[in-house]
Each structure stands twice: as C-alpha cells, then as structure tokens.
Amino acid sequence: MTTFRSALTASAVVLGLAALATAPAQAAAQPAFLAASQMPSSSTPWTASQIFTGVPENGGALCAPYKIPAQNTRYREFNTELDTNGVQITTVARTEADAVKLVDTLRKSLAGCGPLLQKQNPGLKAVSAAHGKVAVEEGAWVYSLDTADPQVGNTDIHLFSVGRDGRTVTFVRWGQMGDFKDAPLNAFRTTTKTAVNKLH
C-alpha cells in the first residue's frame, strides 16, 4: 500500500510539473502611457484617447513619418478644446540595438525637419532646433519645429521628444498655432521625463 501511495504521489508531482511547463507564460506588462493631465498645462483641459494598436494613419510623427514600425507599437492621441494637440507613440524593438538605431533615426529626422519641409513646400518657412537631452533612463532628446506659411498666414509650433528605456522607444509630440515663444518648453521636458519613466 505504501508503495502504491508513493507511486500516486510521484505521478501527481510529475503531472503538476508538466502542467506548469505547458501553461502559457504570463504576458509581459505593456509600456504605460501618459495621462491627459501629464501633458503641458493648457488654457483648456486635455483629453486623452484610448490606446490604439499600430501607428496613426499619417505615420504618426510629423518630421519623422513612417520611421516608426507598426509592429509592437501602440499610440494615444491628446487634444484640448482649442487648437492644441499631441500624440505619444511607443514601440518595443526586437533588440536593444534596434531600439538605439530607431532613436538615432528619429533624432536625425527631427533635426533636419525644417529644411526638408521648406524643400518640399516652396514658400513655407520652417525652422528646426534641438533643445538638448533629458536625463531619464537611457536618455531622451527634445526638438522644436516653428513653421510659417505667408500665403495663408498660418504659424504653428511643435515640440517633439524621443526617449528610450531598454528596448522600448517612445515619441511624444505637442503642437498648437503660434510661435516658439508660445511653446511650454520646460513643461514639455517634464512631460518627456514622465513619459519615459512610465514605460516600465
């Protein structure tokens, strides 16, 4: 009887281990996104969309369209009642080396955006500027784009940032009508730091 019970116990242990081995691995936690309240303050409150899979239809990144792959990517859009808007796009690269390469690609696109837009749109005045590195995780970098279209009288200002935590890269854009003097650069730096810190 003792031998029979021992055999049953051993069989139960083996079956239990087999069940653990075949159970699906718990899905890794997805990178977290900014909340509406974490965007730079505005005269009217921000609202945030749900989190979507892939990239926005236009490629998601003014100055860097179609640079961010749709695979393993999600995004959230932000708006106010005025003409202020934004987006956060986050992607998990296959390797950390791939993430580093993507950050470099996005930074080059943002730095050269103004001259490229002027070349593509005769008459448009566009100035890009780099605003340094934010000390967070593997780093984040902030850029601006100031555009003016004399033919229609529109002026727009955008702020961008690209940051990385391991294999995860996040891109944040803020924009509104106006000039660079209207841009909340310091607040956007804080938003950028929060965005990268929230990834994992």
C-alpha atoms as a PDB file:
ATOM      1  CA  MET A   1       0.000   0.000   0.000  1.00  0.00           C
ATOM      2  CA  THR A   2       2.824   2.377   0.888  1.00  0.00           C
ATOM      3  CA  THR A   3       4.466   1.692  -2.443  1.00  0.00           C
ATOM      4  CA  PHE A   4       1.164   2.339  -4.258  1.00  0.00           C
ATOM      5  CA  ARG A   5       0.645   5.681  -2.431  1.00  0.00           C
ATOM      6  CA  SER A   6       4.220   6.712  -3.176  1.00  0.00           C
ATOM      7  CA  ALA A   7       3.685   5.948  -6.832  1.00  0.00           C
ATOM      8  CA  LEU A   8       0.481   8.042  -6.871  1.00  0.00           C
ATOM      9  CA  THR A   9       2.264  10.935  -5.179  1.00  0.00           C
ATOM     10  CA  ALA A  10       5.143  10.774  -7.652  1.00  0.00           C
ATOM     11  CA  SER A  11       2.692  10.695 -10.566  1.00  0.00           C
ATOM     12  CA  ALA A  12       0.862  13.743  -9.206  1.00  0.00           C
ATOM     13  CA  VAL A  13       4.108  15.665  -8.915  1.00  0.00           C
ATOM     14  CA  VAL A  14       5.081  14.755 -12.485  1.00  0.00           C
ATOM     15  CA  LEU A  15       1.657  15.776 -13.811  1.00  0.00           C
ATOM     16  CA  GLY A  16       1.815  19.046 -11.871  1.00  0.00           C
ATOM     17  CA  LEU A  17       5.223  19.912 -13.300  1.00  0.00           C
ATOM     18  CA  ALA A  18       4.034  19.032 -16.793  1.00  0.00           C
ATOM     19  CA  ALA A  19       1.044  21.340 -16.397  1.00  0.00           C
ATOM     20  CA  LEU A  20       3.315  24.181 -15.312  1.00  0.00           C
ATOM     21  CA  ALA A  21       5.612  23.562 -18.247  1.00  0.00           C
ATOM     22  CA  THR A  22       2.764  23.704 -20.767  1.00  0.00           C
ATOM     23  CA  ALA A  23       0.924  26.647 -19.221  1.00  0.00           C
ATOM     24  CA  PRO A  24       1.255  29.808 -21.314  1.00  0.00           C
ATOM     25  CA  ALA A  25       3.793  32.278 -19.991  1.00  0.00           C
ATOM     26  CA  GLN A  26       2.247  35.337 -18.376  1.00  0.00           C
ATOM     27  CA  ALA A  27       2.229  38.181 -20.885  1.00  0.00           C
ATOM     28  CA  ALA A  28       4.825  40.846 -20.231  1.00  0.00           C
ATOM     29  CA  ALA A  29       3.401  44.134 -18.973  1.00  0.00           C
ATOM     30  CA  GLN A  30       2.784  46.627 -21.785  1.00  0.00           C
ATOM     31  CA  PRO A  31       4.535  50.018 -21.558  1.00  0.00           C
ATOM     32  CA  ALA A  32       2.356  52.620 -19.833  1.00  0.00           C
ATOM     33  CA  PHE A  33       1.257  55.883 -21.471  1.00  0.00           C
ATOM     34  CA  LEU A  34       0.944  59.495 -20.412  1.00  0.00           C
ATOM     35  CA  ALA A  35      -2.338  60.586 -18.864  1.00  0.00           C
ATOM     36  CA  ALA A  36      -4.056  63.719 -20.165  1.00  0.00           C
ATOM     37  CA  SER A  37      -3.093  65.600 -17.001  1.00  0.00           C
ATOM     38  CA  GLN A  38       0.599  64.935 -17.690  1.00  0.00           C
ATOM     39  CA  MET A  39       0.687  66.969 -20.897  1.00  0.00           C
ATOM     40  CA  PRO A  40       1.917  70.588 -20.549  1.00  0.00           C
ATOM     41  CA  SER A  41      -0.813  72.694 -18.965  1.00  0.00           C
ATOM     42  CA  SER A  42      -3.207  74.454 -21.335  1.00  0.00           C
ATOM     43  CA  SER A  43      -5.937  77.084 -21.011  1.00  0.00           C
ATOM     44  CA  THR A  44      -8.489  74.298 -21.542  1.00  0.00           C
ATOM     45  CA  PRO A  45      -8.194  70.745 -20.174  1.00  0.00           C
ATOM     46  CA  TRP A  46      -6.553  67.960 -22.136  1.00  0.00           C
ATOM     47  CA  THR A  47      -8.427  64.834 -23.106  1.00  0.00           C
ATOM     48  CA  ALA A  48      -6.727  61.547 -23.991  1.00  0.00           C
ATOM     49  CA  SER A  49      -7.956  58.923 -26.424  1.00  0.00           C
ATOM     50  CA  GLN A  50      -7.902  55.216 -25.756  1.00  0.00           C
ATOM     51  CA  ILE A  51      -4.661  53.407 -26.565  1.00  0.00           C
ATOM     52  CA  PHE A  52      -4.610  52.117 -30.144  1.00  0.00           C
ATOM     53  CA  THR A  53      -2.501  49.389 -31.720  1.00  0.00           C
ATOM     54  CA  GLY A  54      -0.109  50.307 -34.536  1.00  0.00           C
ATOM     55  CA  VAL A  55       0.702  53.856 -35.672  1.00  0.00           C
ATOM     56  CA  PRO A  56      -1.629  56.727 -36.677  1.00  0.00           C
ATOM     57  CA  GLU A  57      -2.747  56.796 -40.316  1.00  0.00           C
ATOM     58  CA  ASN A  58      -0.303  59.559 -41.259  1.00  0.00           C
ATOM     59  CA  GLY A  59       2.625  57.588 -39.851  1.00  0.00           C
ATOM     60  CA  GLY A  60       2.207  59.295 -36.531  1.00  0.00           C
ATOM     61  CA  ALA A  61       5.194  61.541 -36.468  1.00  0.00           C
ATOM     62  CA  LEU A  62       5.393  64.936 -38.137  1.00  0.00           C
ATOM     63  CA  CYS A  63       9.044  65.302 -39.168  1.00  0.00           C
ATOM     64  CA  ALA A  64       9.517  61.534 -38.969  1.00  0.00           C
ATOM     65  CA  PRO A  65       6.618  59.952 -40.886  1.00  0.00           C
ATOM     66  CA  TYR A  66       6.747  56.201 -41.310  1.00  0.00           C
ATOM     67  CA  LYS A  67      10.016  55.873 -39.371  1.00  0.00           C
ATOM     68  CA  ILE A  68       8.280  54.062 -36.507  1.00  0.00           C
ATOM     69  CA  PRO A  69       7.310  50.465 -37.350  1.00  0.00           C
ATOM     70  CA  ALA A  70       3.699  49.429 -36.789  1.00  0.00           C
ATOM     71  CA  GLN A  71       4.684  46.082 -35.268  1.00  0.00           C
ATOM     72  CA  ASN A  72       4.771  46.049 -31.446  1.00  0.00           C
ATOM     73  CA  THR A  73       3.656  49.703 -31.477  1.00  0.00           C
ATOM     74  CA  ARG A  74       0.776  51.495 -29.758  1.00  0.00           C
ATOM     75  CA  TYR A  75      -0.262  55.153 -29.558  1.00  0.00           C
ATOM     76  CA  ARG A  76      -2.500  57.618 -27.723  1.00  0.00           C
ATOM     77  CA  GLU A  77      -3.741  60.981 -29.014  1.00  0.00           C
ATOM     78  CA  PHE A  78      -4.319  64.131 -26.937  1.00  0.00           C
ATOM     79  CA  ASN A  79      -6.488  67.194 -27.614  1.00  0.00           C
ATOM     80  CA  THR A  80      -7.813  70.349 -25.980  1.00  0.00           C
ATOM     81  CA  GLU A  81     -10.855  72.450 -26.888  1.00  0.00           C
ATOM     82  CA  LEU A  82      -8.511  74.871 -28.667  1.00  0.00           C
ATOM     83  CA  ASP A  83      -6.003  74.018 -31.420  1.00  0.00           C
ATOM     84  CA  THR A  84      -3.552  72.309 -29.097  1.00  0.00           C
ATOM     85  CA  ASN A  85      -2.953  68.634 -29.740  1.00  0.00           C
ATOM     86  CA  GLY A  86      -0.426  65.872 -29.257  1.00  0.00           C
ATOM     87  CA  VAL A  87       0.384  62.202 -29.573  1.00  0.00           C
ATOM     88  CA  GLN A  88       2.524  59.588 -27.853  1.00  0.00           C
ATOM     89  CA  ILE A  89       3.762  56.599 -29.850  1.00  0.00           C
ATOM     90  CA  THR A  90       5.555  53.747 -28.094  1.00  0.00           C
ATOM     91  CA  THR A  91       7.232  50.757 -29.710  1.00  0.00           C
ATOM     92  CA  VAL A  92       9.116  47.762 -28.329  1.00  0.00           C
ATOM     93  CA  ALA A  93      12.042  46.855 -30.577  1.00  0.00           C
ATOM     94  CA  ARG A  94      13.252  43.301 -31.136  1.00  0.00           C
ATOM     95  CA  THR A  95      16.622  44.059 -29.533  1.00  0.00           C
ATOM     96  CA  GLU A  96      18.176  46.940 -27.623  1.00  0.00           C
ATOM     97  CA  ALA A  97      20.463  47.567 -30.611  1.00  0.00           C
ATOM     98  CA  ASP A  98      17.366  48.013 -32.797  1.00  0.00           C
ATOM     99  CA  ALA A  99      15.962  50.471 -30.260  1.00  0.00           C
ATOM    100  CA  VAL A 100      19.178  52.504 -30.305  1.00  0.00           C
ATOM    101  CA  LYS A 101      19.076  52.577 -34.113  1.00  0.00           C
ATOM    102  CA  LEU A 102      15.445  53.766 -34.134  1.00  0.00           C
ATOM    103  CA  VAL A 103      16.220  56.571 -31.671  1.00  0.00           C
ATOM    104  CA  ASP A 104      19.122  57.711 -33.875  1.00  0.00           C
ATOM    105  CA  THR A 105      16.899  57.634 -36.982  1.00  0.00           C
ATOM    106  CA  LEU A 106      14.160  59.676 -35.304  1.00  0.00           C
ATOM    107  CA  ARG A 107      16.638  62.215 -33.935  1.00  0.00           C
ATOM    108  CA  LYS A 108      18.145  62.787 -37.387  1.00  0.00           C
ATOM    109  CA  SER A 109      14.675  63.227 -38.882  1.00  0.00           C
ATOM    110  CA  LEU A 110      13.655  65.750 -36.239  1.00  0.00           C
ATOM    111  CA  ALA A 111      16.908  67.721 -36.503  1.00  0.00           C
ATOM    112  CA  GLY A 112      16.608  68.032 -40.288  1.00  0.00           C
ATOM    113  CA  CYS A 113      12.869  68.531 -40.480  1.00  0.00           C
ATOM    114  CA  GLY A 114      12.772  72.292 -41.135  1.00  0.00           C
ATOM    115  CA  PRO A 115      15.000  72.314 -44.238  1.00  0.00           C
ATOM    116  CA  LEU A 116      13.211  69.222 -45.617  1.00  0.00           C
ATOM    117  CA  LEU A 117       9.764  70.819 -45.236  1.00  0.00           C
ATOM    118  CA  GLN A 118      10.954  74.015 -46.931  1.00  0.00           C
ATOM    119  CA  LYS A 119      12.298  71.960 -49.835  1.00  0.00           C
ATOM    120  CA  GLN A 120       9.016  70.069 -50.166  1.00  0.00           C
ATOM    121  CA  ASN A 121       6.819  73.175 -49.745  1.00  0.00           C
ATOM    122  CA  PRO A 122       8.145  76.263 -51.590  1.00  0.00           C
ATOM    123  CA  GLY A 123       7.246  79.428 -49.716  1.00  0.00           C
ATOM    124  CA  LEU A 124       6.978  77.719 -46.338  1.00  0.00           C
ATOM    125  CA  LYS A 125       9.317  78.959 -43.614  1.00  0.00           C
ATOM    126  CA  ALA A 126      10.328  76.175 -41.235  1.00  0.00           C
ATOM    127  CA  VAL A 127      12.977  76.203 -38.529  1.00  0.00           C
ATOM    128  CA  SER A 128      14.033  73.152 -36.530  1.00  0.00           C
ATOM    129  CA  ALA A 129      16.013  73.357 -33.307  1.00  0.00           C
ATOM    130  CA  ALA A 130      17.469  70.877 -30.827  1.00  0.00           C
ATOM    131  CA  HIS A 131      16.926  71.572 -27.123  1.00  0.00           C
ATOM    132  CA  GLY A 132      19.228  69.049 -25.522  1.00  0.00           C
ATOM    133  CA  LYS A 133      18.982  65.840 -23.585  1.00  0.00           C
ATOM    134  CA  VAL A 134      16.667  64.982 -20.695  1.00  0.00           C
ATOM    135  CA  ALA A 135      18.329  62.832 -18.033  1.00  0.00           C
ATOM    136  CA  VAL A 136      15.978  59.847 -17.733  1.00  0.00           C
ATOM    137  CA  GLU A 137      16.678  56.107 -18.197  1.00  0.00           C
ATOM    138  CA  GLU A 138      18.750  55.707 -21.398  1.00  0.00           C
ATOM    139  CA  GLY A 139      18.043  59.325 -22.309  1.00  0.00           C
ATOM    140  CA  ALA A 140      15.515  61.481 -24.144  1.00  0.00           C
ATOM    141  CA  TRP A 141      16.028  64.349 -26.592  1.00  0.00           C
ATOM    142  CA  VAL A 142      13.821  67.382 -27.259  1.00  0.00           C
ATOM    143  CA  TYR A 143      13.343  69.246 -30.558  1.00  0.00           C
ATOM    144  CA  SER A 144      11.104  72.003 -31.908  1.00  0.00           C
ATOM    145  CA  LEU A 145       9.693  72.956 -35.304  1.00  0.00           C
ATOM    146  CA  ASP A 146       8.492  76.521 -35.961  1.00  0.00           C
ATOM    147  CA  THR A 147       6.608  76.975 -39.245  1.00  0.00           C
ATOM    148  CA  ALA A 148       5.010  79.926 -41.019  1.00  0.00           C
ATOM    149  CA  ASP A 149       3.087  79.930 -44.286  1.00  0.00           C
ATOM    150  CA  PRO A 150       2.988  83.534 -45.585  1.00  0.00           C
ATOM    151  CA  GLN A 151       0.437  82.654 -48.271  1.00  0.00           C
ATOM    152  CA  VAL A 152      -2.260  81.677 -45.766  1.00  0.00           C
ATOM    153  CA  GLY A 153      -0.917  83.477 -42.711  1.00  0.00           C
ATOM    154  CA  ASN A 154      -0.645  80.366 -40.523  1.00  0.00           C
ATOM    155  CA  THR A 155       2.043  79.923 -37.894  1.00  0.00           C
ATOM    156  CA  ASP A 156       2.474  76.691 -35.950  1.00  0.00           C
ATOM    157  CA  ILE A 157       4.843  75.472 -33.280  1.00  0.00           C
ATOM    158  CA  HIS A 158       5.572  71.852 -32.425  1.00  0.00           C
ATOM    159  CA  LEU A 159       7.684  70.221 -29.742  1.00  0.00           C
ATOM    160  CA  PHE A 160       8.960  66.660 -30.071  1.00  0.00           C
ATOM    161  CA  SER A 161      10.857  64.240 -27.918  1.00  0.00           C
ATOM    162  CA  VAL A 162      12.339  60.786 -28.372  1.00  0.00           C
ATOM    163  CA  GLY A 163      13.284  58.681 -25.365  1.00  0.00           C
ATOM    164  CA  ARG A 164      14.330  55.125 -24.600  1.00  0.00           C
ATOM    165  CA  ASP A 165      14.173  52.633 -21.750  1.00  0.00           C
ATOM    166  CA  GLY A 166      15.924  49.419 -22.790  1.00  0.00           C
ATOM    167  CA  ARG A 167      14.201  48.033 -25.912  1.00  0.00           C
ATOM    168  CA  THR A 168      11.271  50.452 -25.589  1.00  0.00           C
ATOM    169  CA  VAL A 169      11.241  53.732 -27.517  1.00  0.00           C
ATOM    170  CA  THR A 170       8.658  56.474 -27.071  1.00  0.00           C
ATOM    171  CA  PHE A 171       7.946  59.514 -29.246  1.00  0.00           C
ATOM    172  CA  VAL A 172       5.929  62.476 -27.924  1.00  0.00           C
ATOM    173  CA  ARG A 173       4.607  65.408 -29.959  1.00  0.00           C
ATOM    174  CA  TRP A 174       2.919  68.607 -28.754  1.00  0.00           C
ATOM    175  CA  GLY A 175       1.613  71.258 -31.163  1.00  0.00           C
ATOM    176  CA  GLN A 176      -0.515  74.375 -31.474  1.00  0.00           C
ATOM    177  CA  MET A 177      -0.942  77.539 -33.509  1.00  0.00           C
ATOM    178  CA  GLY A 178       1.616  80.189 -32.610  1.00  0.00           C
ATOM    179  CA  ASP A 179       5.346  80.807 -32.429  1.00  0.00           C
ATOM    180  CA  PHE A 180       8.207  79.326 -30.446  1.00  0.00           C
ATOM    181  CA  LYS A 181       7.705  81.943 -27.726  1.00  0.00           C
ATOM    182  CA  ASP A 182       4.316  80.321 -27.085  1.00  0.00           C
ATOM    183  CA  ALA A 183       5.784  76.843 -26.556  1.00  0.00           C
ATOM    184  CA  PRO A 184       5.911  75.415 -22.987  1.00  0.00           C
ATOM    185  CA  LEU A 185       9.442  74.048 -23.416  1.00  0.00           C
ATOM    186  CA  ASN A 186      10.210  73.436 -19.730  1.00  0.00           C
ATOM    187  CA  ALA A 187       6.836  71.800 -19.109  1.00  0.00           C
ATOM    188  CA  PHE A 188       7.368  69.620 -22.178  1.00  0.00           C
ATOM    189  CA  ARG A 189      10.693  68.463 -20.760  1.00  0.00           C
ATOM    190  CA  THR A 190       8.804  67.358 -17.647  1.00  0.00           C
ATOM    191  CA  THR A 191       6.220  65.585 -19.807  1.00  0.00           C
ATOM    192  CA  THR A 192       9.031  63.816 -21.656  1.00  0.00           C
ATOM    193  CA  LYS A 193      10.683  62.659 -18.450  1.00  0.00           C
ATOM    194  CA  THR A 194       7.343  61.367 -17.158  1.00  0.00           C
ATOM    195  CA  ALA A 195       6.667  59.536 -20.429  1.00  0.00           C
ATOM    196  CA  VAL A 196       9.969  57.650 -20.313  1.00  0.00           C
ATOM    197  CA  ASN A 197       9.706  56.898 -16.601  1.00  0.00           C
ATOM    198  CA  LYS A 198       6.248  55.397 -17.128  1.00  0.00           C
ATOM    199  CA  LEU A 199       7.349  52.962 -19.828  1.00  0.00           C
ATOM    200  CA  HIS A 200       8.333  50.228 -17.350  1.00  0.00           C
END
